[in-house]
Amino acid sequence: MRRPAFPAFLLAACSVLPAAALDYQKDVMPIFAAKCYDCHSEESADVKGGLRLDDPEGFLKRFAKNDVVIPGEWDASYLFVTVTKPHAEKGAMPPKGKGDPLSPEEVMIVARWIHEGAAIGREKGEKGSKDMDPEKILRFKDGVMVTEEEDSEIPTAGPATAPTATPQEWHNRARQKILATFSGLKDGQVHFTLATGKDAFYPLDKLSDESQAAIRKLAEAKQPTAKP
């Protein structure tokens, strides 16, 4: 017997259904279970930083501390920065000897989850802007995350070149942490570059005295040396 055809409008509607939002326990937590539980779960003898990724409710409460996760802003979230650091560098997660680094596919899932609002259960923050969609921005070369500029500079043959600049920790006068790379100082504005290559500007006088001193020292080092 001939099967009835579906109405055209139903087929059209089915073809434009948006992708389902990522779920922390279903999509993200299994990645951390495989790569991060040695240091960040109940089974760890010493939970690093007191951050447990196997406890969704506890993890949610830790979002604001040190900007671990900023819903909608994957590029400014400390969690994203640590999982994309070169594996051998200090502060990378997982650290060298504690498991394999996240694959590009896993990094993208973490970034998408944060971009969508970092939902855990019924709790969900604001979604990031369309121009910061990680699927449009993130690029990888041989498993290494690169910015668009670095992507054009890395040769297609041979081993990939890891980004040379590593984000550092800076602090403002309220002792809030800023994780970024110093890129310049002009007219009292500090030019910071986030892990993804996104630019940010911050008033120098709003930084802590220690950070101001370090910025001035780096700015002086960037000045061209006058010829005799």
Protein backbone atom coordinates (compact mmCIF):
# COMPACT_ATOMS: atom_id res chain seq x y z
CA MET A 1 0.00 0.00 0.00
CA ARG A 2 1.30 3.43 -0.87
CA ARG A 3 2.23 5.53 2.17
CA PRO A 4 0.68 9.01 2.42
CA ALA A 5 3.10 11.84 1.67
CA PHE A 6 3.89 14.37 4.39
CA PRO A 7 2.57 17.87 3.71
CA ALA A 8 5.23 20.16 2.27
CA PHE A 9 4.93 22.65 5.13
CA LEU A 10 5.73 19.91 7.68
CA LEU A 11 8.83 18.89 5.76
CA ALA A 12 9.94 22.51 5.54
CA ALA A 13 9.41 23.02 9.27
CA CYS A 14 11.41 19.91 10.13
CA SER A 15 14.30 21.06 7.97
CA VAL A 16 14.79 24.31 9.90
CA LEU A 17 14.53 23.04 13.48
CA PRO A 18 17.40 24.52 15.54
CA ALA A 19 19.99 22.22 17.04
CA ALA A 20 19.17 21.14 20.57
CA ALA A 21 20.88 23.16 23.30
CA LEU A 22 23.80 21.45 24.96
CA ASP A 23 23.17 19.85 28.32
CA TYR A 24 25.93 19.93 30.95
CA GLN A 25 25.36 16.46 32.37
CA LYS A 26 24.76 14.83 28.99
CA ASP A 27 27.24 16.64 26.73
CA VAL A 28 29.89 18.42 28.82
CA MET A 29 30.34 16.45 32.03
CA PRO A 30 31.42 13.26 30.20
CA ILE A 31 34.32 15.24 28.68
CA PHE A 32 35.45 16.38 32.11
CA ALA A 33 34.94 12.87 33.49
CA ALA A 34 37.44 11.52 30.96
CA LYS A 35 39.95 14.36 31.15
CA CYS A 36 39.63 16.26 34.44
CA TYR A 37 38.31 14.03 37.23
CA ASP A 38 41.81 13.17 38.52
CA CYS A 39 41.94 16.69 39.96
CA HIS A 40 38.33 17.91 40.00
CA SER A 41 36.01 15.24 41.36
CA GLU A 42 35.08 13.38 44.53
CA GLU A 43 37.48 10.60 43.55
CA SER A 44 40.41 13.02 43.69
CA ALA A 45 42.51 12.89 46.85
CA ASP A 46 43.12 16.63 46.57
CA VAL A 47 40.43 18.59 44.71
CA LYS A 48 42.34 21.37 42.96
CA GLY A 49 40.99 24.80 43.82
CA GLY A 50 38.01 23.20 45.50
CA LEU A 51 36.40 22.91 42.06
CA ARG A 52 34.41 19.71 41.52
CA LEU A 53 33.16 19.14 38.00
CA ASP A 54 31.25 15.98 38.97
CA ASP A 55 28.87 18.00 41.15
CA PRO A 56 26.69 20.11 38.81
CA GLU A 57 25.03 22.13 41.57
CA GLY A 58 28.32 22.83 43.31
CA PHE A 59 29.94 23.72 39.97
CA LEU A 60 27.12 26.18 39.24
CA LYS A 61 27.74 27.95 42.54
CA ARG A 62 31.42 28.36 41.62
CA PHE A 63 30.77 30.13 38.29
CA ALA A 64 31.32 33.64 39.63
CA LYS A 65 34.46 32.86 41.63
CA ASN A 66 37.46 33.99 39.57
CA ASP A 67 35.16 34.11 36.53
CA VAL A 68 35.37 30.32 36.21
CA VAL A 69 32.40 30.43 33.86
CA ILE A 70 30.80 33.61 32.51
CA PRO A 71 27.59 32.47 30.78
CA GLY A 72 27.55 33.74 27.21
CA GLU A 73 31.23 34.72 27.29
CA TRP A 74 33.30 31.63 26.57
CA ASP A 75 36.35 33.67 25.58
CA ALA A 76 36.48 35.39 28.99
CA SER A 77 35.72 32.29 31.07
CA TYR A 78 38.68 31.01 33.07
CA LEU A 79 37.57 27.41 32.45
CA PHE A 80 37.81 27.83 28.68
CA VAL A 81 41.21 29.53 28.89
CA THR A 82 42.66 26.70 30.98
CA VAL A 83 41.42 23.89 28.72
CA THR A 84 42.88 25.62 25.65
CA LYS A 85 46.32 26.41 27.07
CA PRO A 86 49.24 24.45 25.56
CA HIS A 87 49.37 21.19 27.51
CA ALA A 88 52.83 21.70 29.01
CA GLU A 89 52.18 25.24 30.29
CA LYS A 90 51.45 26.14 33.88
CA GLY A 91 47.72 26.41 34.54
CA ALA A 92 46.72 24.15 31.66
CA MET A 93 43.88 21.75 32.32
CA PRO A 94 44.42 18.88 32.51
CA PRO A 95 48.06 19.46 33.52
CA LYS A 96 50.84 17.49 31.91
CA GLY A 97 50.92 13.94 33.27
CA LYS A 98 47.27 14.05 34.38
CA GLY A 99 45.58 13.10 31.13
CA ASP A 100 45.25 14.07 27.50
CA PRO A 101 44.24 17.61 26.52
CA LEU A 102 40.78 18.23 25.16
CA SER A 103 40.35 17.55 21.45
CA PRO A 104 39.18 20.34 19.13
CA GLU A 105 35.71 18.77 19.12
CA GLU A 106 35.61 18.74 22.92
CA VAL A 107 36.87 22.33 23.14
CA MET A 108 34.10 23.37 20.75
CA ILE A 109 31.45 21.64 22.89
CA VAL A 110 32.65 23.47 26.02
CA ALA A 111 32.70 26.79 24.15
CA ARG A 112 29.23 26.23 22.67
CA TRP A 113 27.82 25.27 26.07
CA ILE A 114 29.13 28.48 27.63
CA HIS A 115 28.00 30.54 24.64
CA GLU A 116 24.48 29.14 24.95
CA GLY A 117 24.29 30.32 28.58
CA ALA A 118 26.10 27.51 30.44
CA ALA A 119 22.89 25.75 31.40
CA ILE A 120 22.94 23.35 34.35
CA GLY A 121 19.55 21.85 35.04
CA ARG A 122 17.00 24.64 34.87
CA GLU A 123 19.55 27.35 35.59
CA LYS A 124 20.80 29.20 32.52
CA GLY A 125 22.54 32.51 31.96
CA GLU A 126 22.36 34.90 29.03
CA LYS A 127 23.30 33.66 25.60
CA GLY A 128 26.31 35.20 23.89
CA SER A 129 26.05 37.49 20.90
CA LYS A 130 25.81 36.05 17.39
CA ASP A 131 29.14 37.58 16.38
CA MET A 132 30.83 35.59 19.17
CA ASP A 133 29.45 32.22 18.08
CA PRO A 134 32.44 29.90 18.69
CA GLU A 135 31.65 27.88 15.58
CA LYS A 136 32.29 31.01 13.53
CA ILE A 137 35.41 32.09 15.41
CA LEU A 138 37.37 29.11 16.71
CA ARG A 139 40.00 27.67 14.38
CA PHE A 140 42.35 24.73 14.90
CA LYS A 141 45.56 23.59 13.24
CA ASP A 142 46.62 20.01 13.98
CA GLY A 143 44.73 20.08 17.27
CA VAL A 144 46.05 23.52 18.35
CA MET A 145 43.63 26.42 18.76
CA VAL A 146 44.64 29.49 16.79
CA THR A 147 43.20 32.91 16.06
CA GLU A 148 42.34 33.94 12.50
CA GLU A 149 45.61 35.87 12.26
CA GLU A 150 47.65 32.93 13.51
CA ASP A 151 45.72 30.61 11.21
CA SER A 152 46.95 32.53 8.17
CA GLU A 153 50.54 32.55 9.43
CA ILE A 154 50.83 28.83 10.20
CA PRO A 155 52.14 26.86 7.21
CA THR A 156 49.90 24.12 5.86
CA ALA A 157 52.76 21.62 5.87
CA GLY A 158 54.79 20.49 8.88
CA PRO A 159 53.95 20.67 12.58
CA ALA A 160 51.57 23.27 13.88
CA THR A 161 52.90 26.33 15.66
CA ALA A 162 51.27 26.94 19.03
CA PRO A 163 50.25 30.51 19.90
CA THR A 164 53.28 32.29 21.37
CA ALA A 165 51.37 34.56 23.78
CA THR A 166 50.03 32.97 26.94
CA PRO A 167 47.38 34.80 28.97
CA GLN A 168 48.61 36.15 32.32
CA GLU A 169 46.76 37.00 35.49
CA TRP A 170 46.20 40.71 36.18
CA HIS A 171 44.14 42.28 38.95
CA ASN A 172 42.07 45.42 39.27
CA ARG A 173 41.81 47.49 42.43
CA ALA A 174 38.97 45.29 43.68
CA ARG A 175 41.36 42.32 43.40
CA GLN A 176 39.25 40.81 40.64
CA LYS A 177 41.26 38.66 38.26
CA ILE A 178 41.73 39.55 34.59
CA LEU A 179 43.11 36.75 32.43
CA ALA A 180 44.63 38.19 29.26
CA THR A 181 47.81 38.94 27.32
CA PHE A 182 49.28 42.45 27.41
CA SER A 183 49.35 43.91 23.90
CA GLY A 184 50.04 47.59 24.44
CA LEU A 185 49.50 50.78 26.41
CA LYS A 186 48.27 54.06 24.95
CA ASP A 187 46.67 57.14 26.48
CA GLY A 188 46.17 55.40 29.81
CA GLN A 189 44.32 52.47 28.23
CA VAL A 190 45.78 48.96 28.50
CA HIS A 191 45.27 46.85 25.40
CA PHE A 192 44.61 43.28 26.47
CA THR A 193 44.16 40.31 24.12
CA LEU A 194 42.02 37.42 25.29
CA ALA A 195 42.81 33.78 24.52
CA THR A 196 40.75 33.87 21.31
CA GLY A 197 42.38 37.02 19.97
CA LYS A 198 39.52 39.29 20.99
CA ASP A 199 40.70 42.78 22.00
CA ALA A 200 39.77 44.44 25.27
CA PHE A 201 40.78 47.82 26.70
CA TYR A 202 41.04 48.63 30.40
CA PRO A 203 41.97 51.88 32.21
CA LEU A 204 45.48 51.58 33.63
CA ASP A 205 44.55 53.45 36.83
CA LYS A 206 41.82 50.90 37.58
CA LEU A 207 44.39 48.10 37.89
CA SER A 208 46.14 47.15 41.10
CA ASP A 209 49.48 48.81 41.87
CA GLU A 210 51.31 45.54 41.12
CA SER A 211 49.60 45.13 37.76
CA GLN A 212 50.23 48.77 36.87
CA ALA A 213 53.93 48.37 37.60
CA ALA A 214 54.15 45.22 35.50
CA ILE A 215 52.24 46.88 32.63
CA ARG A 216 54.54 49.92 32.63
CA LYS A 217 57.59 47.68 32.59
CA LEU A 218 56.24 45.70 29.63
CA ALA A 219 55.26 48.90 27.83
CA GLU A 220 58.79 50.29 28.24
CA ALA A 221 60.23 47.07 26.88
CA LYS A 222 58.04 47.44 23.78
CA GLN A 223 59.39 50.92 23.07
CA PRO A 224 61.83 50.97 20.12
CA THR A 225 65.42 51.62 21.13
CA ALA A 226 66.72 54.94 19.84
CA LYS A 227 69.72 54.69 17.54
CA PRO A 228 72.87 56.55 18.70
